[in-house]
Amino acid sequence: MLSTIDVQKFNTLVETGNLINSNYSDVHAILAHILESVTRFCEGEASSILLFDRKKQELYFETALGVKGQDVRRYTLKAGQGIAGWVVQHNKTLIVNDVDNDKRHQKHISRELSYPVTNMIAVPLRLKDECIGVIEILNKAGGKPFGEDDVEWVEIFATQAALSITNMRNIGQARGEVHLLREETKTDHGYHTLIAKSPLILEKLEIIDRVAKTDSSVLILGESGVGKELFAEQVHLRSPRSRAPFVRVNCAAIPEGLLESELFGHIKGAFTNAIANRQGRFEIADGGTIFLDEIADIPLALQAKLLRVIQERTFEKVGSDVSLTVNVRILAATNKDIEVQVEQGQFRSDLYYRLNVLPLYIPPLRQRPDDIPELASFFLKKFMAETQKQFEGFSSEAMETMLSYSWPGNVRELENCVERACVIGKNKQIQREDLFLNARMEISGAGEGRRDLKNAINSFKAQFIRRVLEENKWNQTEAAKDLDIQRTYLSRLIKELEIINLKQE
């Protein structure tokens, strides 16, 4: 018969298993949950999960708990170096109850952190028979030694951590081969592939390269479906925080009553059903980046607490009066006109200005038609793999239709369109009728939505004028001479066709 503590441990294992099976994307949160649970069960004072970078032959800290959890993340270990390095090299568990006298221990790290380590357990994370990392539990409470019971529990949780990483890597592989000009955004760490060919997006990536080196907040603006999350990923991946967690929060998808707990965590008993302490997303993102999507949907009452986190890097969990400090870079995104919301008192102006330090506008797909063929081909490969069907690309009529459509739903709509065509298509190539876009183009009516000859000509004009302006370094007088038109007419065309100089944004 199980004891009370065994029942608690068993229930935690079941809960963790359910979490792994239901949440494939937020692997950092799952690993933090696993580490928090096993540390509590083994009565450890601190703990960490280190992952092995086979290419660089070194271990880095993926997740770390304890008073020095944030500080230890700046260290890496070579294969074979330290107790964790020994575990990776030999793929074996270690109990070290006299760390001071163990020659493998990296004493300089303990000295630099002013954190003495007396005893520890180090258990390998295994994918099949390959060691991909280590779980470490440090300093058992009361000066007690670690025993075989502790090892048994750590090894069980290590299996769960490895399973979570396996799921994450499988998802990365399912996204398919990276196509054309793009960043290989660590698909084995759950990031998306970014397709970029148009000058508009390539210029955005140049801006991101500069922005990523700072820790300033970034506000990403753009219509729904343009891929704001992908650009947030790029800011993180090109930054010095790239190995630390990237935590995503869709503020509009979480009920208002739960959002505070989701962001900042809660303590046991803080409210009904708060049966245990819980880490919030900010705590999980410590050392890394948090991406707050749909930021304009955060209620006013919670905006003050968010402002404090940005200004002071401190917050309290729901139900607690203990302040926690985090080192987190904040990226936010919205498809709403947030300046209007500020004017109407729906969004705090001080929070807006703190978030809007580095604004980044992502143009809609209709303004970057060069990306359409590449995105369509990428999505076709993806859905051919999922549907187990083969196509030899798109017919010329289908591609012409996609290029003339204005894509009000942007990249997301294009992806859905290609998926639908892949499901119903019966020919060697995707045909115009497989896209089901003709009816939409006819229904759309006047204005920006029209897909008629006039709209196509305007699209060509805008691209042609942009190229001439770029060749003349945006000198309108010189560009007007090359175009053989009056400068005043060029200025009017620039305004009517919404041609913008992105380098001056």
Protein backbone atom coordinates (compact mmCIF):
# COMPACT_ATOMS: atom_id res chain seq x y z
CA MET A 1 0.00 0.00 0.00
CA LEU A 2 1.36 3.41 -0.99
CA SER A 3 2.20 5.93 1.72
CA THR A 4 0.81 9.50 1.59
CA ILE A 5 4.03 10.86 0.10
CA ASP A 6 4.09 8.04 -2.49
CA VAL A 7 0.54 8.87 -3.53
CA GLN A 8 1.54 12.52 -3.95
CA LYS A 9 4.51 11.52 -6.07
CA PHE A 10 2.42 9.16 -8.15
CA ASN A 11 -0.19 11.86 -8.77
CA THR A 12 2.55 14.28 -9.79
CA LEU A 13 3.91 11.74 -12.27
CA VAL A 14 0.45 11.31 -13.80
CA GLU A 15 -0.01 15.09 -13.96
CA THR A 16 3.37 15.52 -15.65
CA GLY A 17 2.58 12.77 -18.15
CA ASN A 18 -0.68 14.49 -19.06
CA LEU A 19 1.16 17.79 -19.43
CA ILE A 20 3.68 16.25 -21.82
CA ASN A 21 0.93 14.65 -23.92
CA SER A 22 -1.21 17.80 -24.11
CA ASN A 23 1.42 20.53 -24.56
CA TYR A 24 4.09 19.88 -27.19
CA SER A 25 5.12 23.47 -27.85
CA ASP A 26 6.10 24.89 -24.45
CA VAL A 27 8.85 22.42 -23.62
CA HIS A 28 10.62 24.93 -21.38
CA ALA A 29 7.59 25.10 -19.09
CA ILE A 30 7.35 21.30 -18.99
CA LEU A 31 11.04 20.90 -18.08
CA ALA A 32 10.68 23.54 -15.36
CA HIS A 33 7.66 21.67 -13.97
CA ILE A 34 9.58 18.37 -13.98
CA LEU A 35 12.60 19.92 -12.30
CA GLU A 36 10.50 21.65 -9.65
CA SER A 37 8.71 18.37 -8.81
CA VAL A 38 11.78 16.15 -8.54
CA THR A 39 13.66 18.75 -6.48
CA ARG A 40 10.79 18.86 -4.01
CA PHE A 41 10.55 15.06 -3.76
CA CYS A 42 14.30 14.67 -3.15
CA GLU A 43 14.35 17.59 -0.68
CA GLY A 44 17.00 19.33 -2.75
CA GLU A 45 18.03 22.92 -2.21
CA ALA A 46 18.80 23.64 -5.86
CA SER A 47 18.69 21.84 -9.19
CA SER A 48 19.26 22.17 -12.91
CA ILE A 49 18.73 20.51 -16.27
CA LEU A 50 21.74 20.71 -18.56
CA LEU A 51 21.47 19.80 -22.26
CA PHE A 52 24.33 18.57 -24.39
CA ASP A 53 25.16 20.47 -27.58
CA ARG A 54 26.76 17.69 -29.64
CA LYS A 55 28.09 20.05 -32.30
CA LYS A 56 29.95 22.23 -29.77
CA GLN A 57 30.63 19.30 -27.43
CA GLU A 58 29.48 21.25 -24.41
CA LEU A 59 26.73 21.31 -21.80
CA TYR A 60 24.58 24.39 -21.19
CA PHE A 61 21.99 25.12 -18.49
CA GLU A 62 18.50 24.82 -19.96
CA THR A 63 16.65 25.26 -16.62
CA ALA A 64 17.98 26.04 -13.14
CA LEU A 65 16.21 26.46 -9.80
CA GLY A 66 17.50 27.84 -6.51
CA VAL A 67 18.94 31.11 -5.26
CA LYS A 68 21.71 31.02 -7.88
CA GLY A 69 19.55 29.58 -10.65
CA GLN A 70 19.81 32.66 -12.83
CA ASP A 71 23.54 33.21 -12.29
CA VAL A 72 24.58 29.64 -13.09
CA ARG A 73 23.14 29.91 -16.60
CA ARG A 74 26.13 31.86 -17.81
CA TYR A 75 28.35 28.79 -17.43
CA THR A 76 28.95 25.95 -19.87
CA LEU A 77 30.84 22.67 -19.42
CA LYS A 78 32.83 20.75 -21.98
CA ALA A 79 32.10 17.07 -22.49
CA GLY A 80 33.81 15.22 -19.64
CA GLN A 81 34.23 18.39 -17.56
CA GLY A 82 32.73 18.45 -14.08
CA ILE A 83 30.40 15.88 -12.58
CA ALA A 84 27.72 16.59 -15.20
CA GLY A 85 30.28 16.24 -17.98
CA TRP A 86 31.36 12.89 -16.54
CA VAL A 87 27.75 11.69 -16.53
CA VAL A 88 27.32 12.65 -20.20
CA GLN A 89 30.59 11.01 -21.18
CA HIS A 90 29.85 7.74 -19.33
CA ASN A 91 26.03 7.82 -19.58
CA LYS A 92 25.77 6.76 -15.92
CA THR A 93 24.09 8.09 -12.77
CA LEU A 94 26.25 9.49 -9.97
CA ILE A 95 25.59 10.05 -6.25
CA VAL A 96 28.26 12.28 -4.73
CA ASN A 97 27.73 12.80 -1.00
CA ASP A 98 31.15 14.39 -0.44
CA VAL A 99 31.47 16.92 -3.26
CA ASP A 100 34.44 18.77 -1.73
CA ASN A 101 36.64 15.70 -2.12
CA ASP A 102 35.48 14.77 -5.62
CA LYS A 103 38.08 15.77 -8.20
CA ARG A 104 35.47 16.09 -10.92
CA HIS A 105 33.65 18.95 -9.15
CA GLN A 106 34.17 22.39 -10.71
CA LYS A 107 35.03 24.23 -7.49
CA HIS A 108 35.64 27.54 -9.25
CA ILE A 109 31.95 27.79 -10.18
CA SER A 110 30.89 27.33 -6.54
CA ARG A 111 33.44 29.95 -5.44
CA GLU A 112 32.42 32.50 -8.07
CA LEU A 113 28.75 32.04 -7.19
CA SER A 114 29.47 31.96 -3.42
CA TYR A 115 27.32 28.85 -3.28
CA PRO A 116 28.83 25.79 -1.55
CA VAL A 117 27.74 22.36 -2.78
CA THR A 118 27.94 19.53 -0.24
CA ASN A 119 26.25 16.67 -2.05
CA MET A 120 24.43 15.98 -5.30
CA ILE A 121 22.78 13.51 -7.64
CA ALA A 122 23.47 13.64 -11.39
CA VAL A 123 21.30 11.51 -13.69
CA PRO A 124 21.58 11.25 -17.50
CA LEU A 125 18.74 12.22 -19.81
CA ARG A 126 18.56 9.53 -22.47
CA LEU A 127 16.98 9.37 -25.91
CA LYS A 128 17.11 5.64 -26.57
CA ASP A 129 20.68 4.90 -25.47
CA GLU A 130 22.11 8.36 -26.21
CA CYS A 131 22.79 10.79 -23.35
CA ILE A 132 21.46 14.22 -24.32
CA GLY A 133 21.77 15.96 -20.97
CA VAL A 134 21.78 15.73 -17.18
CA ILE A 135 19.47 16.43 -14.24
CA GLU A 136 21.35 17.60 -11.14
CA ILE A 137 19.88 17.85 -7.62
CA LEU A 138 22.06 19.71 -5.08
CA ASN A 139 22.29 19.82 -1.27
CA LYS A 140 19.72 17.57 0.40
CA ALA A 141 17.84 19.34 3.20
CA GLY A 142 19.21 19.02 6.73
CA GLY A 143 22.62 17.95 5.52
CA LYS A 144 21.28 14.43 4.87
CA PRO A 145 22.94 12.25 2.20
CA PHE A 146 21.20 11.36 -1.03
CA GLY A 147 20.22 7.69 -1.29
CA GLU A 148 19.03 5.11 -3.79
CA ASP A 149 15.38 6.12 -3.26
CA ASP A 150 16.27 9.62 -4.43
CA VAL A 151 18.07 8.23 -7.47
CA GLU A 152 15.03 6.14 -8.38
CA TRP A 153 12.76 9.19 -8.43
CA VAL A 154 15.23 11.36 -10.35
CA GLU A 155 15.62 8.65 -12.99
CA ILE A 156 11.83 8.41 -13.39
CA PHE A 157 11.56 12.16 -13.90
CA ALA A 158 14.61 12.12 -16.19
CA THR A 159 12.70 9.71 -18.44
CA GLN A 160 9.80 12.16 -18.56
CA ALA A 161 12.12 15.05 -19.39
CA ALA A 162 13.69 13.02 -22.21
CA LEU A 163 10.21 12.13 -23.51
CA SER A 164 9.28 15.82 -23.57
CA ILE A 165 12.43 16.63 -25.56
CA THR A 166 11.69 13.74 -27.93
CA ASN A 167 8.20 15.12 -28.62
CA MET A 168 9.68 18.55 -29.25
CA ARG A 169 12.24 17.22 -31.73
CA ASN A 170 9.66 15.13 -33.57
CA ILE A 171 7.53 18.23 -34.08
CA GLY A 172 10.58 20.07 -35.40
CA GLN A 173 11.22 17.30 -37.95
CA ALA A 174 7.57 17.29 -39.02
CA ARG A 175 7.82 20.91 -40.07
CA GLY A 176 9.77 19.69 -43.06
CA GLU A 177 12.94 20.64 -44.82
CA VAL A 178 13.80 24.32 -44.61
CA HIS A 179 13.24 25.95 -47.98
CA LEU A 180 14.94 28.83 -49.87
CA LEU A 181 16.27 31.95 -48.13
CA ARG A 182 15.50 31.57 -44.39
CA GLU A 183 17.01 31.24 -40.97
CA GLU A 184 17.38 27.75 -39.64
CA THR A 185 15.59 28.61 -36.43
CA LYS A 186 16.54 25.58 -34.36
CA THR A 187 13.60 23.46 -35.43
CA ASP A 188 14.69 20.86 -32.87
CA HIS A 189 13.87 23.43 -30.19
CA GLY A 190 10.30 24.05 -31.35
CA TYR A 191 10.74 27.21 -33.43
CA HIS A 192 9.16 27.98 -36.79
CA THR A 193 10.84 28.22 -40.17
CA LEU A 194 10.89 31.75 -41.54
CA ILE A 195 10.52 32.19 -45.30
CA ALA A 196 11.90 35.48 -46.60
CA LYS A 197 12.53 36.63 -50.15
CA SER A 198 10.85 40.03 -50.51
CA PRO A 199 12.97 43.16 -49.91
CA LEU A 200 10.44 44.29 -47.30
CA ILE A 201 11.02 41.25 -45.09
CA LEU A 202 14.77 41.06 -45.69
CA GLU A 203 14.99 44.65 -44.46
CA LYS A 204 12.99 43.69 -41.37
CA LEU A 205 15.47 40.91 -40.64
CA GLU A 206 18.33 43.40 -40.92
CA ILE A 207 16.57 45.59 -38.34
CA ILE A 208 16.04 42.53 -36.11
CA ASP A 209 19.75 41.75 -36.24
CA ARG A 210 20.45 45.14 -34.68
CA VAL A 211 17.52 45.05 -32.25
CA ALA A 212 18.34 41.55 -31.00
CA LYS A 213 21.65 42.62 -29.46
CA THR A 214 19.87 44.82 -26.91
CA ASP A 215 17.59 43.96 -23.98
CA SER A 216 15.04 46.67 -24.80
CA SER A 217 11.36 45.82 -25.17
CA VAL A 218 10.06 45.34 -28.71
CA LEU A 219 6.47 45.98 -29.82
CA ILE A 220 5.61 44.03 -32.99
CA LEU A 221 2.72 45.47 -34.96
CA GLY A 222 0.86 44.13 -37.95
CA GLU A 223 -2.38 42.65 -39.20
CA SER A 224 -3.64 39.30 -37.97
CA GLY A 225 -1.89 36.40 -39.68
CA VAL A 226 1.30 38.18 -40.82
CA GLY A 227 3.50 35.99 -38.60
CA LYS A 228 4.34 38.32 -35.72
CA GLU A 229 5.28 35.34 -33.51
CA LEU A 230 7.88 34.20 -36.06
CA PHE A 231 9.56 37.59 -35.96
CA ALA A 232 9.50 37.52 -32.15
CA GLU A 233 11.28 34.16 -32.37
CA GLN A 234 13.90 35.71 -34.63
CA VAL A 235 14.58 38.50 -32.12
CA HIS A 236 15.13 35.86 -29.44
CA LEU A 237 17.18 33.47 -31.59
CA ARG A 238 19.55 36.21 -32.78
CA SER A 239 20.05 37.54 -29.24
CA PRO A 240 22.52 36.55 -26.50
CA ARG A 241 19.54 34.89 -24.78
CA SER A 242 19.02 32.34 -27.56
CA ARG A 243 19.86 29.35 -25.36
CA ALA A 244 17.55 30.50 -22.55
CA PRO A 245 13.77 29.93 -22.54
CA PHE A 246 11.47 31.55 -25.08
CA VAL A 247 8.03 31.59 -23.41
CA ARG A 248 4.91 32.40 -25.42
CA VAL A 249 1.69 33.78 -23.92
CA ASN A 250 -1.44 34.48 -25.94
CA CYS A 251 -3.07 37.08 -23.70
CA ALA A 252 -6.37 36.94 -25.61
CA ALA A 253 -6.70 33.16 -25.23
CA ILE A 254 -6.49 33.09 -21.41
CA PRO A 255 -9.60 34.03 -19.38
CA GLU A 256 -9.20 37.35 -17.58
CA GLY A 257 -9.60 35.72 -14.16
CA LEU A 258 -6.71 33.32 -14.82
CA LEU A 259 -4.32 35.61 -16.66
CA GLU A 260 -2.61 37.03 -13.56
CA SER A 261 -1.90 33.54 -12.23
CA GLU A 262 -0.72 32.41 -15.66
CA LEU A 263 1.74 35.29 -15.95
CA PHE A 264 2.98 35.56 -12.37
CA GLY A 265 2.12 32.23 -10.73
CA HIS A 266 0.31 31.62 -7.44
CA ILE A 267 0.87 30.04 -4.06
CA LYS A 268 -1.09 27.20 -2.55
CA GLY A 269 -4.45 28.37 -1.18
CA ALA A 270 -4.41 31.70 -3.06
CA PHE A 271 -7.85 30.91 -4.49
CA THR A 272 -10.21 27.98 -4.96
CA ASN A 273 -8.48 25.05 -6.70
CA ALA A 274 -5.00 26.50 -6.00
CA ILE A 275 -3.93 23.18 -4.46
CA ALA A 276 -0.19 23.72 -4.98
CA ASN A 277 2.34 26.45 -5.66
CA ARG A 278 2.71 27.25 -9.33
CA GLN A 279 5.33 29.04 -11.39
CA GLY A 280 4.11 31.78 -13.71
CA ARG A 281 5.35 32.41 -17.23
CA PHE A 282 7.65 35.25 -16.14
CA GLU A 283 9.38 32.98 -13.64
CA ILE A 284 9.75 30.23 -16.24
CA ALA A 285 11.22 32.74 -18.72
CA ASP A 286 13.86 33.94 -16.24
CA GLY A 287 17.12 34.52 -18.13
CA GLY A 288 15.35 34.38 -21.48
CA THR A 289 12.53 36.05 -23.39
CA ILE A 290 8.78 36.25 -22.89
CA PHE A 291 6.51 36.93 -25.87
CA LEU A 292 3.17 38.51 -24.97
CA ASP A 293 0.93 38.11 -28.00
CA GLU A 294 -2.27 40.15 -28.23
CA ILE A 295 -0.92 42.50 -25.56
CA ALA A 296 -3.75 44.98 -26.15
CA ASP A 297 -6.18 42.47 -24.61
CA ILE A 298 -4.58 42.59 -21.15
CA PRO A 299 -7.11 44.13 -18.72
CA LEU A 300 -6.29 47.54 -17.22
CA ALA A 301 -6.07 46.15 -13.68
CA LEU A 302 -3.25 43.83 -14.71
CA GLN A 303 -1.39 46.40 -16.80
CA ALA A 304 -0.02 48.13 -13.68
CA LYS A 305 1.59 44.89 -12.49
CA LEU A 306 3.05 44.28 -15.93
CA LEU A 307 4.49 47.81 -15.98
CA ARG A 308 6.23 47.13 -12.68
CA VAL A 309 7.84 43.97 -14.08
CA ILE A 310 9.20 45.96 -17.02
CA GLN A 311 10.49 48.80 -14.85
CA GLU A 312 11.76 46.93 -11.77
CA ARG A 313 11.92 43.27 -12.88
CA THR A 314 9.98 42.31 -9.74
CA PHE A 315 6.52 40.91 -9.02
CA GLU A 316 4.59 38.86 -6.45
CA LYS A 317 2.75 35.62 -7.09
CA VAL A 318 -1.00 35.68 -6.57
CA GLY A 319 -1.65 35.30 -2.84
CA SER A 320 1.96 36.08 -1.85
CA ASP A 321 3.67 39.19 -0.49
CA VAL A 322 7.17 37.92 -1.33
CA SER A 323 8.77 39.80 -4.22
CA LEU A 324 10.50 37.76 -6.92
CA THR A 325 13.11 39.19 -9.26
CA VAL A 326 13.49 38.03 -12.85
CA ASN A 327 15.78 38.85 -15.75
CA VAL A 328 13.46 38.68 -18.73
CA ARG A 329 13.35 40.44 -22.07
CA ILE A 330 9.80 41.36 -23.07
CA LEU A 331 8.50 41.16 -26.63
CA ALA A 332 4.88 42.09 -27.27
CA ALA A 333 2.60 42.03 -30.30
CA THR A 334 -0.83 43.25 -31.32
CA ASN A 335 -2.94 43.60 -34.46
CA LYS A 336 -4.95 46.44 -32.91
CA ASP A 337 -4.36 50.19 -33.16
CA ILE A 338 -2.90 50.45 -29.68
CA GLU A 339 -2.42 54.22 -29.92
CA VAL A 340 -6.19 54.61 -30.30
CA GLN A 341 -6.66 52.41 -27.25
CA VAL A 342 -4.31 54.68 -25.31
CA GLU A 343 -6.29 57.74 -26.39
CA GLN A 344 -9.54 56.05 -25.32
CA GLY A 345 -8.11 55.06 -21.93
CA GLN A 346 -8.24 51.33 -22.67
CA PHE A 347 -4.47 50.90 -22.49
CA ARG A 348 -2.07 52.63 -20.11
CA SER A 349 0.09 55.21 -21.87
CA ASP A 350 3.08 54.57 -19.55
CA LEU A 351 2.96 50.83 -20.34
CA TYR A 352 2.64 51.54 -24.06
CA TYR A 353 5.75 53.75 -24.06
CA ARG A 354 7.75 51.14 -22.10
CA LEU A 355 6.76 48.41 -24.55
CA ASN A 356 7.22 50.57 -27.63
CA VAL A 357 10.95 51.24 -27.16
CA LEU A 358 11.74 49.42 -30.41
CA PRO A 359 8.63 49.22 -32.66
CA LEU A 360 8.67 46.68 -35.49
CA TYR A 361 5.93 46.79 -38.15
CA ILE A 362 5.37 43.61 -40.19
CA PRO A 363 3.81 44.47 -43.57
CA PRO A 364 0.80 42.47 -44.83
CA LEU A 365 1.28 39.78 -47.46
CA ARG A 366 -0.34 41.91 -50.20
CA GLN A 367 2.57 44.35 -49.90
CA ARG A 368 5.18 41.62 -50.40
CA PRO A 369 4.05 39.42 -53.31
CA ASP A 370 7.60 38.11 -53.80
CA ASP A 371 7.03 35.94 -50.73
CA ILE A 372 3.85 34.29 -52.01
CA PRO A 373 5.42 31.66 -54.35
CA GLU A 374 8.00 30.65 -51.75
CA LEU A 375 5.50 30.45 -48.90
CA ALA A 376 3.05 28.51 -51.06
CA SER A 377 5.76 26.00 -52.03
CA PHE A 378 6.84 25.62 -48.42
CA PHE A 379 3.28 24.97 -47.24
CA LEU A 380 2.70 22.54 -50.13
CA LYS A 381 5.68 20.42 -49.04
CA LYS A 382 4.42 20.48 -45.47
CA PHE A 383 0.89 19.34 -46.32
CA MET A 384 2.01 16.79 -48.89
CA ALA A 385 3.86 15.08 -46.06
CA GLU A 386 0.80 15.26 -43.79
CA THR A 387 -1.72 14.06 -46.40
CA GLN A 388 0.63 11.50 -48.01
CA LYS A 389 -0.12 13.00 -51.44
CA GLN A 390 2.28 14.20 -54.13
CA PHE A 391 1.96 17.27 -56.36
CA GLU A 392 4.33 18.80 -58.90
CA GLY A 393 3.80 22.32 -57.62
CA PHE A 394 1.13 24.79 -58.75
CA SER A 395 -0.26 25.36 -62.23
CA SER A 396 0.51 28.75 -63.78
CA GLU A 397 -3.18 29.69 -63.43
CA ALA A 398 -3.18 28.75 -59.73
CA MET A 399 -0.04 30.78 -59.08
CA GLU A 400 -1.45 33.76 -61.02
CA THR A 401 -4.59 33.58 -58.88
CA MET A 402 -2.58 33.56 -55.65
CA LEU A 403 -0.49 36.52 -56.82
CA SER A 404 -3.56 38.58 -57.70
CA TYR A 405 -5.43 37.86 -54.46
CA SER A 406 -4.98 40.38 -51.63
CA TRP A 407 -4.89 37.82 -48.74
CA PRO A 408 -6.82 39.70 -46.03
CA GLY A 409 -5.91 36.86 -43.65
CA ASN A 410 -2.24 37.14 -44.69
CA VAL A 411 0.17 34.19 -44.30
CA ARG A 412 -2.25 32.25 -42.11
CA GLU A 413 -4.91 32.43 -44.83
CA LEU A 414 -2.38 31.35 -47.48
CA GLU A 415 -1.40 28.36 -45.35
CA ASN A 416 -5.05 27.34 -44.88
CA CYS A 417 -5.67 27.78 -48.60
CA VAL A 418 -2.76 25.51 -49.59
CA GLU A 419 -3.80 22.90 -47.01
CA ARG A 420 -7.35 22.85 -48.44
CA ALA A 421 -6.00 22.57 -52.00
CA CYS A 422 -3.71 19.73 -50.96
CA VAL A 423 -6.62 17.82 -49.45
CA ILE A 424 -9.02 18.15 -52.40
CA GLY A 425 -6.52 18.31 -55.31
CA LYS A 426 -6.64 15.35 -57.74
CA ASN A 427 -4.24 16.38 -60.52
CA LYS A 428 -0.46 16.35 -60.81
CA GLN A 429 -0.42 20.06 -60.01
CA ILE A 430 -2.56 22.21 -57.72
CA GLN A 431 -5.14 23.85 -59.99
CA ARG A 432 -6.83 27.24 -59.76
CA GLU A 433 -10.16 25.65 -58.77
CA ASP A 434 -8.48 23.74 -55.90
CA LEU A 435 -7.72 27.05 -54.20
CA PHE A 436 -11.37 28.19 -53.97
CA LEU A 437 -10.21 31.80 -54.33
CA ASN A 438 -12.17 32.83 -57.45
CA ALA A 439 -15.45 33.13 -55.57
CA ARG A 440 -13.83 35.23 -52.87
CA MET A 441 -12.28 37.51 -55.46
CA GLU A 442 -15.68 38.05 -57.11
CA ILE A 443 -17.49 38.67 -53.82
CA SER A 444 -14.89 41.08 -52.43
CA GLY A 445 -16.36 44.20 -54.09
CA ALA A 446 -14.67 47.56 -54.52
CA GLY A 447 -11.67 49.19 -52.90
CA GLU A 448 -8.59 47.45 -51.61
CA GLY A 449 -10.28 44.06 -51.78
CA ARG A 450 -10.84 44.14 -55.60
CA ARG A 451 -8.72 41.68 -57.62
CA ASP A 452 -9.30 43.41 -60.98
CA LEU A 453 -6.86 44.72 -63.59
CA LYS A 454 -6.66 48.14 -61.95
CA ASN A 455 -5.58 46.60 -58.66
CA ALA A 456 -2.96 44.46 -60.43
CA ILE A 457 -1.59 47.51 -62.23
CA ASN A 458 -1.38 49.45 -58.96
CA SER A 459 0.51 46.57 -57.37
CA PHE A 460 2.99 46.58 -60.26
CA LYS A 461 3.32 50.38 -60.07
CA ALA A 462 4.10 50.27 -56.35
CA GLN A 463 6.84 47.66 -56.80
CA PHE A 464 8.35 49.42 -59.80
CA ILE A 465 8.38 52.86 -58.14
CA ARG A 466 9.87 51.40 -54.97
CA ARG A 467 12.78 49.91 -56.94
CA VAL A 468 13.48 53.23 -58.69
CA LEU A 469 13.33 55.09 -55.35
CA GLU A 470 15.75 52.61 -53.79
CA GLU A 471 18.14 52.98 -56.75
CA ASN A 472 18.09 56.74 -56.15
CA LYS A 473 18.44 56.40 -52.37
CA TRP A 474 14.87 57.70 -51.96
CA ASN A 475 15.67 61.04 -53.57
CA GLN A 476 12.29 61.86 -55.12
CA THR A 477 13.65 64.48 -57.50
CA GLU A 478 16.13 62.04 -59.08
CA ALA A 479 13.62 59.20 -59.06
CA ALA A 480 11.04 61.40 -60.86
CA LYS A 481 13.64 62.13 -63.59
CA ASP A 482 14.27 58.39 -64.10
CA LEU A 483 10.53 57.77 -64.23
CA ASP A 484 10.05 60.74 -66.59
CA ILE A 485 7.25 62.21 -64.47
CA GLN A 486 6.79 65.36 -62.39
CA ARG A 487 8.09 65.22 -58.82
CA THR A 488 4.67 66.35 -57.50
CA TYR A 489 3.01 63.46 -59.36
CA LEU A 490 5.55 61.02 -57.88
CA SER A 491 4.81 62.32 -54.38
CA ARG A 492 1.09 61.77 -54.97
CA LEU A 493 1.70 58.24 -56.24
CA ILE A 494 3.84 57.43 -53.19
CA LYS A 495 1.00 58.53 -50.94
CA GLU A 496 -1.78 56.81 -52.92
CA LEU A 497 0.10 53.52 -53.29
CA GLU A 498 1.30 53.59 -49.65
CA ILE A 499 4.96 53.26 -50.60
CA ILE A 500 7.12 53.62 -47.48
CA ASN A 501 10.83 53.82 -46.87
CA LEU A 502 11.34 51.07 -44.30
CA LYS A 503 14.85 52.20 -43.44
CA GLN A 504 13.41 55.39 -41.99
CA GLU A 505 10.80 53.62 -39.80
